[in-house]
Amino acid sequence: MSAFPNSPRLLKGAIIGVDPLNPLASVIVFQYNPDTMTRRLEPRAVGSEGDRGEAFRLTGAPKETITLSVEIDATDQLEQAKAPATSVGIYPTLAALEMLVYPKTASVIANDVLSAIGTIEVIPATGPMILFVWGPQRVLPVRIASFSITEEAHDTMLNPIRAKVELSLTVLSYQDLPLLSPGNVLFLAHHIAKEVMATTNTFNNIQSTGAQA
């Protein structure tokens, strides 16, 4: 029986690669939510220094970068003798993350064939649409700018059983995505939700000021 039966259920963050051809391969739910997450916003401004009247003009949503550290640990699964941890550790989870930045082998082989037969232009492979899920208010299309994996422990077959992943994500806004793409719609919904939150904050501040007057 749980020591805290009335404790709220904790939502877990996730990174999801939306790929219609392989919908289950790129769903990575965080085993432990990171304690901290850093968000860096860079405004998209029109005017350069010295342009009068342009200081407050914005061309769109700011460029946003999210960095976080995710821990993956198979200790509990190994203690309970659960598969696949007993045979391959956390390798499947790491592989799912890595495949978000790999092209599909079918595309690689097809492009090699086209190149071999003399095709002048080879179209780069398209990866999955990546979503960063951090609660119901933040479901964002992102691009993985970079990530590093530190494998901290291995089993007897040298499969990783504990690792830390440092992720750097670039949020994709409606300026980066096609007009009718699902990612465009998701970001616009995120933008609207942020406006509502900001309005709520302003309303609460006005109420607090009035109460103290």
N, C-alpha and C. Protein backbone atom coordinates (compact mmCIF):
# COMPACT_ATOMS: atom_id res chain seq x y z
N MET A 1 0.84 -1.19 0.00
CA MET A 1 0.00 0.00 0.00
C MET A 1 0.87 1.24 0.00
N SER A 2 0.53 2.24 -0.79
CA SER A 2 1.35 3.44 -0.91
C SER A 2 1.31 4.24 0.37
N ALA A 3 2.44 4.86 0.71
CA ALA A 3 2.51 5.69 1.91
C ALA A 3 1.75 6.99 1.73
N PHE A 4 1.52 7.39 0.50
CA PHE A 4 0.83 8.64 0.22
C PHE A 4 -0.32 8.37 -0.74
N PRO A 5 -1.43 7.79 -0.24
CA PRO A 5 -2.52 7.40 -1.14
C PRO A 5 -3.22 8.57 -1.80
N ASN A 6 -3.13 9.77 -1.20
CA ASN A 6 -3.83 10.93 -1.75
C ASN A 6 -2.92 11.85 -2.55
N SER A 7 -1.69 11.44 -2.79
CA SER A 7 -0.77 12.29 -3.54
C SER A 7 -1.20 12.36 -5.01
N PRO A 8 -1.04 13.54 -5.61
CA PRO A 8 -1.47 13.68 -7.01
C PRO A 8 -0.62 12.84 -7.95
N ARG A 9 -1.23 12.43 -9.03
CA ARG A 9 -0.51 11.64 -10.02
C ARG A 9 0.45 12.54 -10.79
N LEU A 10 1.69 12.13 -10.88
CA LEU A 10 2.71 12.93 -11.54
C LEU A 10 2.73 12.64 -13.03
N LEU A 11 2.53 13.70 -13.83
CA LEU A 11 2.68 13.55 -15.27
C LEU A 11 4.16 13.47 -15.62
N LYS A 12 4.47 12.70 -16.63
CA LYS A 12 5.85 12.56 -17.05
C LYS A 12 6.07 13.24 -18.40
N GLY A 13 7.21 13.89 -18.51
CA GLY A 13 7.57 14.49 -19.78
C GLY A 13 7.93 13.42 -20.79
N ALA A 14 7.98 13.83 -22.06
CA ALA A 14 8.28 12.86 -23.11
C ALA A 14 8.79 13.58 -24.35
N ILE A 15 9.48 12.80 -25.17
CA ILE A 15 9.84 13.24 -26.53
C ILE A 15 9.26 12.20 -27.48
N ILE A 16 8.52 12.69 -28.46
CA ILE A 16 7.81 11.79 -29.38
C ILE A 16 8.21 12.14 -30.81
N GLY A 17 8.63 11.14 -31.55
CA GLY A 17 8.88 11.31 -32.97
C GLY A 17 7.67 10.81 -33.75
N VAL A 18 6.97 11.71 -34.40
CA VAL A 18 5.76 11.34 -35.14
C VAL A 18 6.16 10.85 -36.52
N ASP A 19 6.10 9.55 -36.70
CA ASP A 19 6.47 8.91 -37.95
C ASP A 19 5.37 7.93 -38.34
N PRO A 20 4.54 8.27 -39.33
CA PRO A 20 3.43 7.39 -39.71
C PRO A 20 3.88 5.98 -40.09
N LEU A 21 5.10 5.84 -40.61
CA LEU A 21 5.57 4.54 -41.05
C LEU A 21 6.05 3.66 -39.89
N ASN A 22 6.35 4.28 -38.76
CA ASN A 22 6.84 3.52 -37.61
C ASN A 22 6.42 4.24 -36.33
N PRO A 23 5.12 4.25 -36.00
CA PRO A 23 4.58 5.11 -34.95
C PRO A 23 5.04 4.78 -33.53
N LEU A 24 5.50 3.57 -33.26
CA LEU A 24 5.85 3.19 -31.89
C LEU A 24 7.33 3.29 -31.58
N ALA A 25 8.15 3.47 -32.60
CA ALA A 25 9.61 3.38 -32.39
C ALA A 25 10.20 4.60 -31.72
N SER A 26 9.49 5.73 -31.75
CA SER A 26 10.09 6.98 -31.28
C SER A 26 9.24 7.64 -30.20
N VAL A 27 8.81 6.87 -29.23
CA VAL A 27 8.08 7.40 -28.08
C VAL A 27 8.97 7.19 -26.86
N ILE A 28 9.52 8.28 -26.32
CA ILE A 28 10.43 8.19 -25.18
C ILE A 28 9.81 8.95 -24.02
N VAL A 29 9.22 8.23 -23.08
CA VAL A 29 8.66 8.83 -21.87
C VAL A 29 9.77 8.89 -20.83
N PHE A 30 9.93 10.06 -20.22
CA PHE A 30 11.01 10.22 -19.24
C PHE A 30 10.76 9.33 -18.02
N GLN A 31 11.73 8.54 -17.69
CA GLN A 31 11.62 7.69 -16.51
C GLN A 31 11.53 8.56 -15.25
N TYR A 32 12.36 9.60 -15.19
CA TYR A 32 12.33 10.57 -14.11
C TYR A 32 12.27 11.96 -14.74
N ASN A 33 11.34 12.78 -14.31
CA ASN A 33 11.30 14.14 -14.82
C ASN A 33 12.54 14.90 -14.36
N PRO A 34 13.18 15.66 -15.24
CA PRO A 34 14.34 16.45 -14.83
C PRO A 34 13.96 17.45 -13.73
N ASP A 35 14.87 17.69 -12.80
CA ASP A 35 14.61 18.66 -11.73
C ASP A 35 14.59 20.07 -12.28
N THR A 36 15.41 20.33 -13.29
CA THR A 36 15.49 21.69 -13.86
C THR A 36 15.40 21.62 -15.38
N MET A 37 14.94 22.73 -15.96
CA MET A 37 14.89 22.86 -17.41
C MET A 37 15.21 24.32 -17.72
N THR A 38 16.16 24.55 -18.63
CA THR A 38 16.55 25.91 -18.99
C THR A 38 15.94 26.27 -20.34
N ARG A 39 15.28 27.43 -20.37
CA ARG A 39 14.69 27.92 -21.62
C ARG A 39 15.31 29.27 -21.95
N ARG A 40 15.80 29.41 -23.18
CA ARG A 40 16.42 30.66 -23.62
C ARG A 40 15.63 31.20 -24.80
N LEU A 41 15.15 32.45 -24.65
CA LEU A 41 14.35 33.08 -25.70
C LEU A 41 15.11 34.25 -26.30
N GLU A 42 15.15 34.28 -27.63
CA GLU A 42 15.80 35.37 -28.36
C GLU A 42 14.77 36.03 -29.27
N PRO A 43 14.37 37.29 -28.98
CA PRO A 43 13.33 37.96 -29.77
C PRO A 43 13.73 38.10 -31.24
N ARG A 44 12.73 38.01 -32.11
CA ARG A 44 12.95 38.27 -33.54
C ARG A 44 12.53 39.73 -33.80
N ALA A 45 13.49 40.62 -33.82
CA ALA A 45 13.22 42.04 -33.99
C ALA A 45 13.46 42.47 -35.42
N VAL A 46 12.74 43.52 -35.84
CA VAL A 46 12.88 44.03 -37.20
C VAL A 46 14.05 44.98 -37.31
N GLY A 47 14.03 46.01 -36.47
CA GLY A 47 14.99 47.09 -36.63
C GLY A 47 16.36 46.75 -36.09
N SER A 48 17.38 47.28 -36.75
CA SER A 48 18.74 47.18 -36.22
C SER A 48 19.02 48.43 -35.42
N GLU A 49 20.16 48.47 -34.76
CA GLU A 49 20.50 49.61 -33.92
C GLU A 49 20.53 50.90 -34.73
N GLY A 50 19.80 51.91 -34.23
CA GLY A 50 19.79 53.19 -34.92
C GLY A 50 18.55 53.43 -35.76
N ASP A 51 17.73 52.41 -35.98
CA ASP A 51 16.50 52.59 -36.76
C ASP A 51 15.40 53.13 -35.87
N ARG A 52 15.00 54.36 -36.07
CA ARG A 52 13.98 54.97 -35.25
C ARG A 52 12.60 54.38 -35.60
N GLY A 53 11.81 54.17 -34.57
CA GLY A 53 10.46 53.68 -34.78
C GLY A 53 10.35 52.19 -34.98
N GLU A 54 11.48 51.48 -34.99
CA GLU A 54 11.45 50.04 -35.24
C GLU A 54 11.83 49.21 -34.00
N ALA A 55 12.09 49.89 -32.90
CA ALA A 55 12.64 49.20 -31.73
C ALA A 55 11.71 48.13 -31.17
N PHE A 56 10.39 48.34 -31.30
CA PHE A 56 9.45 47.41 -30.69
C PHE A 56 8.76 46.49 -31.70
N ARG A 57 9.20 46.54 -32.94
CA ARG A 57 8.58 45.69 -33.96
C ARG A 57 9.15 44.27 -33.88
N LEU A 58 8.25 43.30 -33.96
CA LEU A 58 8.65 41.89 -33.92
C LEU A 58 8.18 41.19 -35.19
N THR A 59 9.01 40.32 -35.71
CA THR A 59 8.65 39.60 -36.94
C THR A 59 7.94 38.28 -36.65
N GLY A 60 7.90 37.89 -35.39
CA GLY A 60 7.24 36.63 -35.06
C GLY A 60 7.63 36.15 -33.69
N ALA A 61 7.33 34.90 -33.41
CA ALA A 61 7.66 34.31 -32.10
C ALA A 61 9.17 34.29 -31.90
N PRO A 62 9.64 34.40 -30.68
CA PRO A 62 11.08 34.38 -30.43
C PRO A 62 11.69 33.02 -30.73
N LYS A 63 12.98 33.03 -30.98
CA LYS A 63 13.71 31.77 -31.11
C LYS A 63 13.91 31.23 -29.69
N GLU A 64 13.45 30.00 -29.47
CA GLU A 64 13.52 29.43 -28.12
C GLU A 64 14.34 28.14 -28.14
N THR A 65 15.23 28.04 -27.17
CA THR A 65 16.04 26.84 -26.99
C THR A 65 15.78 26.27 -25.61
N ILE A 66 15.56 24.96 -25.55
CA ILE A 66 15.30 24.28 -24.28
C ILE A 66 16.45 23.30 -24.04
N THR A 67 17.03 23.36 -22.85
CA THR A 67 18.06 22.40 -22.49
C THR A 67 17.65 21.70 -21.19
N LEU A 68 17.87 20.41 -21.14
CA LEU A 68 17.52 19.63 -19.95
C LEU A 68 18.35 18.37 -19.91
N SER A 69 18.43 17.80 -18.72
CA SER A 69 19.19 16.58 -18.49
C SER A 69 18.23 15.48 -18.06
N VAL A 70 18.28 14.35 -18.77
CA VAL A 70 17.37 13.23 -18.51
C VAL A 70 18.17 12.03 -18.03
N GLU A 71 17.72 11.43 -16.94
CA GLU A 71 18.38 10.23 -16.40
C GLU A 71 17.58 8.99 -16.75
N ILE A 72 18.30 7.95 -17.17
CA ILE A 72 17.68 6.67 -17.53
C ILE A 72 18.39 5.58 -16.74
N ASP A 73 17.63 4.76 -16.03
CA ASP A 73 18.22 3.79 -15.11
C ASP A 73 17.41 2.49 -15.15
N ALA A 74 18.10 1.38 -15.33
CA ALA A 74 17.43 0.08 -15.41
C ALA A 74 17.52 -0.71 -14.10
N THR A 75 17.98 -0.06 -13.03
CA THR A 75 18.21 -0.78 -11.77
C THR A 75 16.95 -1.49 -11.27
N ASP A 76 15.83 -0.76 -11.22
CA ASP A 76 14.59 -1.36 -10.72
C ASP A 76 14.15 -2.54 -11.57
N GLN A 77 14.24 -2.39 -12.90
CA GLN A 77 13.83 -3.47 -13.80
C GLN A 77 14.72 -4.69 -13.64
N LEU A 78 16.02 -4.44 -13.42
CA LEU A 78 16.95 -5.56 -13.23
C LEU A 78 16.67 -6.29 -11.92
N GLU A 79 16.33 -5.55 -10.88
CA GLU A 79 16.02 -6.18 -9.60
C GLU A 79 14.78 -7.07 -9.70
N GLN A 80 13.84 -6.65 -10.59
CA GLN A 80 12.61 -7.42 -10.77
C GLN A 80 12.70 -8.40 -11.95
N ALA A 81 13.91 -8.50 -12.52
CA ALA A 81 14.16 -9.41 -13.64
C ALA A 81 13.21 -9.18 -14.81
N LYS A 82 13.01 -7.91 -15.14
CA LYS A 82 12.09 -7.56 -16.23
C LYS A 82 12.86 -7.43 -17.55
N ALA A 83 12.25 -7.94 -18.61
CA ALA A 83 12.78 -7.74 -19.96
C ALA A 83 12.27 -6.39 -20.48
N PRO A 84 13.01 -5.73 -21.37
CA PRO A 84 14.27 -6.15 -21.98
C PRO A 84 15.52 -5.76 -21.18
N ALA A 85 15.32 -5.18 -19.98
CA ALA A 85 16.48 -4.71 -19.21
C ALA A 85 17.46 -5.84 -18.92
N THR A 86 16.95 -7.04 -18.69
CA THR A 86 17.82 -8.16 -18.35
C THR A 86 18.71 -8.59 -19.51
N SER A 87 18.30 -8.28 -20.74
CA SER A 87 19.09 -8.73 -21.89
C SER A 87 19.85 -7.60 -22.59
N VAL A 88 19.26 -6.40 -22.63
CA VAL A 88 19.91 -5.30 -23.37
C VAL A 88 19.96 -4.00 -22.57
N GLY A 89 19.59 -4.04 -21.29
CA GLY A 89 19.67 -2.84 -20.47
C GLY A 89 18.76 -1.73 -20.98
N ILE A 90 19.30 -0.50 -21.05
CA ILE A 90 18.52 0.65 -21.51
C ILE A 90 18.84 0.98 -22.97
N TYR A 91 19.48 0.05 -23.66
CA TYR A 91 19.86 0.29 -25.05
C TYR A 91 18.65 0.65 -25.94
N PRO A 92 17.48 -0.01 -25.79
CA PRO A 92 16.35 0.37 -26.63
C PRO A 92 15.93 1.83 -26.46
N THR A 93 15.95 2.33 -25.22
CA THR A 93 15.57 3.72 -24.98
C THR A 93 16.57 4.68 -25.62
N LEU A 94 17.85 4.38 -25.46
CA LEU A 94 18.88 5.23 -26.08
C LEU A 94 18.77 5.18 -27.60
N ALA A 95 18.50 3.99 -28.14
CA ALA A 95 18.38 3.84 -29.60
C ALA A 95 17.19 4.65 -30.12
N ALA A 96 16.08 4.65 -29.37
CA ALA A 96 14.90 5.41 -29.79
C ALA A 96 15.21 6.91 -29.84
N LEU A 97 15.98 7.39 -28.86
CA LEU A 97 16.39 8.80 -28.87
C LEU A 97 17.30 9.09 -30.06
N GLU A 98 18.26 8.22 -30.28
CA GLU A 98 19.23 8.46 -31.35
C GLU A 98 18.58 8.41 -32.73
N MET A 99 17.57 7.57 -32.89
CA MET A 99 16.92 7.46 -34.20
C MET A 99 16.17 8.73 -34.60
N LEU A 100 15.96 9.63 -33.64
CA LEU A 100 15.33 10.91 -33.96
C LEU A 100 16.24 11.78 -34.82
N VAL A 101 17.54 11.48 -34.81
CA VAL A 101 18.48 12.27 -35.62
C VAL A 101 19.15 11.43 -36.71
N TYR A 102 18.65 10.22 -36.91
CA TYR A 102 19.15 9.37 -38.00
C TYR A 102 18.11 9.33 -39.12
N PRO A 103 18.55 9.32 -40.38
CA PRO A 103 17.59 9.04 -41.46
C PRO A 103 17.26 7.55 -41.47
N LYS A 104 16.12 7.20 -42.04
CA LYS A 104 15.77 5.80 -42.17
C LYS A 104 16.71 5.12 -43.17
N THR A 105 17.08 3.87 -42.88
CA THR A 105 18.00 3.15 -43.77
C THR A 105 17.41 2.99 -45.17
N ALA A 106 16.09 2.87 -45.27
CA ALA A 106 15.48 2.74 -46.60
C ALA A 106 15.76 3.98 -47.45
N SER A 107 15.72 5.17 -46.82
CA SER A 107 16.01 6.41 -47.55
C SER A 107 17.48 6.48 -47.95
N VAL A 108 18.35 6.03 -47.04
CA VAL A 108 19.79 6.05 -47.33
C VAL A 108 20.10 5.14 -48.52
N ILE A 109 19.53 3.93 -48.51
CA ILE A 109 19.78 2.98 -49.61
C ILE A 109 19.21 3.51 -50.92
N ALA A 110 18.00 4.09 -50.85
CA ALA A 110 17.37 4.63 -52.07
C ALA A 110 18.21 5.76 -52.66
N ASN A 111 18.73 6.63 -51.81
CA ASN A 111 19.56 7.73 -52.30
C ASN A 111 20.89 7.23 -52.86
N ASP A 112 21.45 6.17 -52.25
CA ASP A 112 22.69 5.58 -52.79
C ASP A 112 22.45 5.02 -54.18
N VAL A 113 21.30 4.39 -54.38
CA VAL A 113 20.96 3.83 -55.69
C VAL A 113 20.80 4.95 -56.71
N LEU A 114 20.08 6.02 -56.33
CA LEU A 114 19.88 7.15 -57.24
C LEU A 114 21.22 7.79 -57.61
N SER A 115 22.10 7.90 -56.61
CA SER A 115 23.41 8.49 -56.87
C SER A 115 24.23 7.60 -57.80
N ALA A 116 24.12 6.28 -57.62
CA ALA A 116 24.90 5.34 -58.43
C ALA A 116 24.47 5.34 -59.89
N ILE A 117 23.18 5.60 -60.13
CA ILE A 117 22.70 5.58 -61.52
C ILE A 117 22.78 6.96 -62.18
N GLY A 118 23.40 7.92 -61.46
CA GLY A 118 23.67 9.20 -62.08
C GLY A 118 22.63 10.28 -61.86
N THR A 119 21.75 10.12 -60.89
CA THR A 119 20.78 11.17 -60.61
C THR A 119 21.50 12.40 -60.10
N ILE A 120 21.20 13.55 -60.70
CA ILE A 120 21.93 14.77 -60.36
C ILE A 120 21.58 15.26 -58.97
N GLU A 121 20.27 15.29 -58.66
CA GLU A 121 19.83 15.83 -57.37
C GLU A 121 19.22 14.72 -56.52
N VAL A 122 19.78 14.52 -55.36
CA VAL A 122 19.27 13.53 -54.41
C VAL A 122 18.60 14.28 -53.27
N ILE A 123 17.34 14.00 -53.03
CA ILE A 123 16.58 14.71 -52.00
C ILE A 123 16.95 14.17 -50.62
N PRO A 124 17.34 15.06 -49.71
CA PRO A 124 17.66 14.59 -48.35
C PRO A 124 16.47 13.91 -47.69
N ALA A 125 16.76 12.93 -46.85
CA ALA A 125 15.69 12.21 -46.16
C ALA A 125 14.98 13.11 -45.16
N THR A 126 13.69 12.89 -44.99
CA THR A 126 12.89 13.64 -44.03
C THR A 126 12.75 12.84 -42.74
N GLY A 127 13.13 13.44 -41.63
CA GLY A 127 13.00 12.77 -40.34
C GLY A 127 11.61 12.94 -39.78
N PRO A 128 11.33 12.33 -38.64
CA PRO A 128 10.01 12.45 -38.02
C PRO A 128 9.79 13.86 -37.46
N MET A 129 8.52 14.24 -37.31
CA MET A 129 8.21 15.47 -36.59
C MET A 129 8.38 15.18 -35.10
N ILE A 130 9.24 15.93 -34.45
CA ILE A 130 9.57 15.67 -33.04
C ILE A 130 8.77 16.61 -32.14
N LEU A 131 8.12 16.03 -31.14
CA LEU A 131 7.34 16.81 -30.18
C LEU A 131 7.97 16.69 -28.80
N PHE A 132 8.12 17.82 -28.14
CA PHE A 132 8.53 17.83 -26.73
C PHE A 132 7.28 18.04 -25.91
N VAL A 133 6.98 17.07 -25.05
CA VAL A 133 5.75 17.10 -24.26
C VAL A 133 6.12 17.36 -22.80
N TRP A 134 5.66 18.48 -22.28
CA TRP A 134 5.93 18.83 -20.90
C TRP A 134 4.63 19.34 -20.27
N GLY A 135 3.73 18.41 -20.01
CA GLY A 135 2.42 18.76 -19.47
C GLY A 135 1.46 19.18 -20.56
N PRO A 136 0.18 19.33 -20.22
CA PRO A 136 -0.84 19.66 -21.23
C PRO A 136 -0.69 21.04 -21.84
N GLN A 137 0.01 21.96 -21.15
CA GLN A 137 0.16 23.32 -21.67
C GLN A 137 1.31 23.45 -22.66
N ARG A 138 2.20 22.47 -22.68
CA ARG A 138 3.38 22.59 -23.55
C ARG A 138 3.60 21.30 -24.33
N VAL A 139 3.06 21.29 -25.53
CA VAL A 139 3.34 20.24 -26.50
C VAL A 139 3.90 20.95 -27.72
N LEU A 140 5.22 20.90 -27.86
CA LEU A 140 5.91 21.77 -28.81
C LEU A 140 6.64 20.99 -29.89
N PRO A 141 6.52 21.43 -31.15
CA PRO A 141 7.39 20.85 -32.18
C PRO A 141 8.80 21.37 -32.00
N VAL A 142 9.77 20.48 -32.04
CA VAL A 142 11.15 20.88 -31.79
C VAL A 142 12.08 20.19 -32.79
N ARG A 143 13.28 20.73 -32.89
CA ARG A 143 14.38 20.07 -33.58
C ARG A 143 15.46 19.80 -32.55
N ILE A 144 16.04 18.61 -32.57
CA ILE A 144 17.13 18.31 -31.65
C ILE A 144 18.39 18.99 -32.19
N ALA A 145 18.83 20.02 -31.47
CA ALA A 145 20.03 20.75 -31.89
C ALA A 145 21.27 19.91 -31.60
N SER A 146 21.28 19.27 -30.44
CA SER A 146 22.38 18.38 -30.07
C SER A 146 21.98 17.61 -28.83
N PHE A 147 22.63 16.48 -28.63
CA PHE A 147 22.52 15.82 -27.33
C PHE A 147 23.72 14.94 -27.10
N SER A 148 24.03 14.76 -25.83
CA SER A 148 25.16 13.91 -25.46
C SER A 148 24.68 12.85 -24.50
N ILE A 149 25.26 11.67 -24.61
CA ILE A 149 24.89 10.54 -23.76
C ILE A 149 26.12 10.13 -22.94
N THR A 150 25.96 10.13 -21.64
CA THR A 150 27.01 9.65 -20.75
C THR A 150 26.56 8.33 -20.15
N GLU A 151 27.15 7.24 -20.60
CA GLU A 151 26.80 5.93 -20.07
C GLU A 151 27.58 5.72 -18.77
N GLU A 152 26.86 5.55 -17.67
CA GLU A 152 27.49 5.54 -16.35
C GLU A 152 27.67 4.15 -15.76
N ALA A 153 26.96 3.16 -16.31
CA ALA A 153 27.10 1.79 -15.81
C ALA A 153 26.69 0.83 -16.91
N HIS A 154 27.31 -0.39 -16.87
CA HIS A 154 27.04 -1.39 -17.90
C HIS A 154 26.86 -2.76 -17.24
N ASP A 155 26.17 -3.65 -17.95
CA ASP A 155 26.04 -5.02 -17.45
C ASP A 155 27.22 -5.86 -17.92
N THR A 156 27.16 -7.15 -17.69
CA THR A 156 28.29 -8.02 -18.04
C THR A 156 28.51 -8.13 -19.54
N MET A 157 27.47 -7.80 -20.33
CA MET A 157 27.60 -7.83 -21.79
C MET A 157 27.87 -6.45 -22.37
N LEU A 158 28.19 -5.50 -21.47
CA LEU A 158 28.51 -4.12 -21.83
C LEU A 158 27.32 -3.36 -22.39
N ASN A 159 26.11 -3.82 -22.11
CA ASN A 159 24.92 -3.02 -22.42
C ASN A 159 24.79 -1.93 -21.37
N PRO A 160 24.45 -0.71 -21.77
CA PRO A 160 24.29 0.36 -20.77
C PRO A 160 23.08 0.09 -19.88
N ILE A 161 23.25 0.29 -18.59
CA ILE A 161 22.13 0.11 -17.66
C ILE A 161 21.82 1.39 -16.88
N ARG A 162 22.68 2.39 -17.01
CA ARG A 162 22.40 3.70 -16.42
C ARG A 162 23.09 4.76 -17.26
N ALA A 163 22.35 5.83 -17.58
CA ALA A 163 22.92 6.87 -18.44
C ALA A 163 22.27 8.21 -18.14
N LYS A 164 22.99 9.26 -18.50
CA LYS A 164 22.46 10.62 -18.41
C LYS A 164 22.52 11.23 -19.81
N VAL A 165 21.41 11.82 -20.24
CA VAL A 165 21.32 12.40 -21.58
C VAL A 165 21.11 13.91 -21.44
N GLU A 166 22.02 14.68 -22.03
CA GLU A 166 21.90 16.14 -22.06
C GLU A 166 21.31 16.53 -23.41
N LEU A 167 20.13 17.16 -23.36
CA LEU A 167 19.40 17.49 -24.59
C LEU A 167 19.35 19.00 -24.81
N SER A 168 19.56 19.41 -26.05
CA SER A 168 19.36 20.79 -26.46
C SER A 168 18.34 20.79 -27.60
N LEU A 169 17.19 21.42 -27.36
CA LEU A 169 16.08 21.40 -28.31
C LEU A 169 15.80 22.81 -28.82
N THR A 170 15.61 22.93 -30.12
CA THR A 170 15.20 24.20 -30.72
C THR A 170 13.72 24.13 -31.02
N VAL A 171 12.95 25.03 -30.42
CA VAL A 171 11.50 25.04 -30.65
C VAL A 171 11.22 25.57 -32.06
N LEU A 172 10.35 24.88 -32.78
CA LEU A 172 9.97 25.28 -34.14
C LEU A 172 8.64 26.02 -34.08
N SER A 173 8.61 27.24 -34.57
CA SER A 173 7.39 28.04 -34.54
C SER A 173 6.72 28.03 -35.91
N TYR A 174 5.66 28.81 -36.03
CA TYR A 174 4.94 28.92 -37.31
C TYR A 174 5.79 29.55 -38.39
N GLN A 175 6.92 30.13 -38.04
CA GLN A 175 7.83 30.68 -39.05
C GLN A 175 8.74 29.61 -39.64
N ASP A 176 8.82 28.48 -38.97
CA ASP A 176 9.70 27.40 -39.41
C ASP A 176 8.97 26.28 -40.13
N LEU A 177 7.65 26.23 -39.98
CA LEU A 177 6.88 25.08 -40.45
C LEU A 177 5.86 25.47 -41.50
N PRO A 178 5.48 24.55 -42.39
CA PRO A 178 4.45 24.83 -43.39
C PRO A 178 3.13 25.24 -42.74
N LEU A 179 2.37 26.07 -43.43
CA LEU A 179 1.15 26.66 -42.87
C LEU A 179 0.18 25.63 -42.33
N LEU A 180 -0.03 24.54 -43.06
CA LEU A 180 -1.05 23.56 -42.68
C LEU A 180 -0.48 22.34 -41.97
N SER A 181 0.76 22.41 -41.54
CA SER A 181 1.36 21.26 -40.88
C SER A 181 0.84 21.13 -39.45
N PRO A 182 0.78 19.91 -38.91
CA PRO A 182 0.35 19.73 -37.52
C PRO A 182 1.23 20.50 -36.53
N GLY A 183 2.53 20.57 -36.81
CA GLY A 183 3.43 21.29 -35.92
C GLY A 183 3.08 22.78 -35.85
N ASN A 184 2.71 23.35 -36.98
CA ASN A 184 2.30 24.76 -37.02
C ASN A 184 1.09 24.98 -36.13
N VAL A 185 0.11 24.09 -36.24
CA VAL A 185 -1.11 24.20 -35.44
C VAL A 185 -0.79 24.07 -33.94
N LEU A 186 0.09 23.12 -33.59
CA LEU A 186 0.45 22.92 -32.19
C LEU A 186 1.14 24.15 -31.61
N PHE A 187 2.04 24.74 -32.39
CA PHE A 187 2.74 25.91 -31.86
C PHE A 187 1.78 27.09 -31.71
N LEU A 188 0.88 27.27 -32.67
CA LEU A 188 -0.09 28.36 -32.58
C LEU A 188 -0.97 28.19 -31.34
N ALA A 189 -1.37 26.94 -31.06
CA ALA A 189 -2.16 26.67 -29.85
C ALA A 189 -1.35 27.00 -28.59
N HIS A 190 -0.05 26.68 -28.63
CA HIS A 190 0.83 27.00 -27.51
C HIS A 190 0.93 28.52 -27.33
N HIS A 191 1.02 29.25 -28.43
CA HIS A 191 1.11 30.71 -28.39
C HIS A 191 -0.17 31.29 -27.78
N ILE A 192 -1.31 30.79 -28.20
CA ILE A 192 -2.59 31.28 -27.67
C ILE A 192 -2.71 30.99 -26.18
N ALA A 193 -2.32 29.77 -25.78
CA ALA A 193 -2.37 29.40 -24.36
C ALA A 193 -1.47 30.31 -23.53
N LYS A 194 -0.32 30.70 -24.08
CA LYS A 194 0.60 31.59 -23.36
C LYS A 194 -0.02 32.97 -23.20
N GLU A 195 -0.72 33.44 -24.24
CA GLU A 195 -1.41 34.73 -24.14
C GLU A 195 -2.47 34.69 -23.04
N VAL A 196 -3.21 33.60 -22.96
CA VAL A 196 -4.23 33.45 -21.92
C VAL A 196 -3.59 33.48 -20.53
N MET A 197 -2.48 32.76 -20.38
CA MET A 197 -1.77 32.74 -19.10
C MET A 197 -1.30 34.14 -18.71
N ALA A 198 -0.75 34.87 -19.68
CA ALA A 198 -0.26 36.22 -19.40
C ALA A 198 -1.40 37.14 -19.00
N THR A 199 -2.56 37.01 -19.65
CA THR A 199 -3.73 37.82 -19.30
C THR A 199 -4.22 37.48 -17.90
N THR A 200 -4.21 36.19 -17.56
CA THR A 200 -4.61 35.77 -16.22
C THR A 200 -3.70 36.38 -15.17
N ASN A 201 -2.39 36.39 -15.45
CA ASN A 201 -1.43 36.98 -14.51
C ASN A 201 -1.71 38.47 -14.31
N THR A 202 -1.99 39.19 -15.42
CA THR A 202 -2.26 40.62 -15.33
C THR A 202 -3.52 40.88 -14.51
N PHE A 203 -4.56 40.07 -14.75
CA PHE A 203 -5.82 40.22 -14.02
C PHE A 203 -5.61 39.99 -12.52
N ASN A 204 -4.83 38.97 -12.18
CA ASN A 204 -4.55 38.68 -10.78
C ASN A 204 -3.77 39.80 -10.11
N ASN A 205 -2.81 40.39 -10.85
CA ASN A 205 -2.03 41.49 -10.30
C ASN A 205 -2.89 42.73 -10.04
N ILE A 206 -3.82 42.99 -10.98
CA ILE A 206 -4.74 44.13 -10.80
C ILE A 206 -5.62 43.92 -9.58
N GLN A 207 -6.10 42.68 -9.42
CA GLN A 207 -6.92 42.38 -8.25
C GLN A 207 -6.14 42.58 -6.97
N SER A 208 -4.88 42.12 -6.96
CA SER A 208 -4.05 42.24 -5.77
C SER A 208 -3.78 43.72 -5.45
N THR A 209 -3.54 44.51 -6.49
CA THR A 209 -3.29 45.93 -6.29
C THR A 209 -4.53 46.62 -5.73
N GLY A 210 -5.69 46.26 -6.27
CA GLY A 210 -6.94 46.85 -5.78
C GLY A 210 -7.24 46.47 -4.35
N ALA A 211 -6.89 45.24 -3.98
CA ALA A 211 -7.16 44.79 -2.61
C ALA A 211 -6.30 45.52 -1.59
N GLN A 212 -5.11 45.98 -2.03
CA GLN A 212 -4.19 46.64 -1.10
C GLN A 212 -4.41 48.14 -1.06
N ALA A 213 -5.23 48.65 -2.00
CA ALA A 213 -5.42 50.09 -2.06
C ALA A 213 -6.24 50.60 -0.89
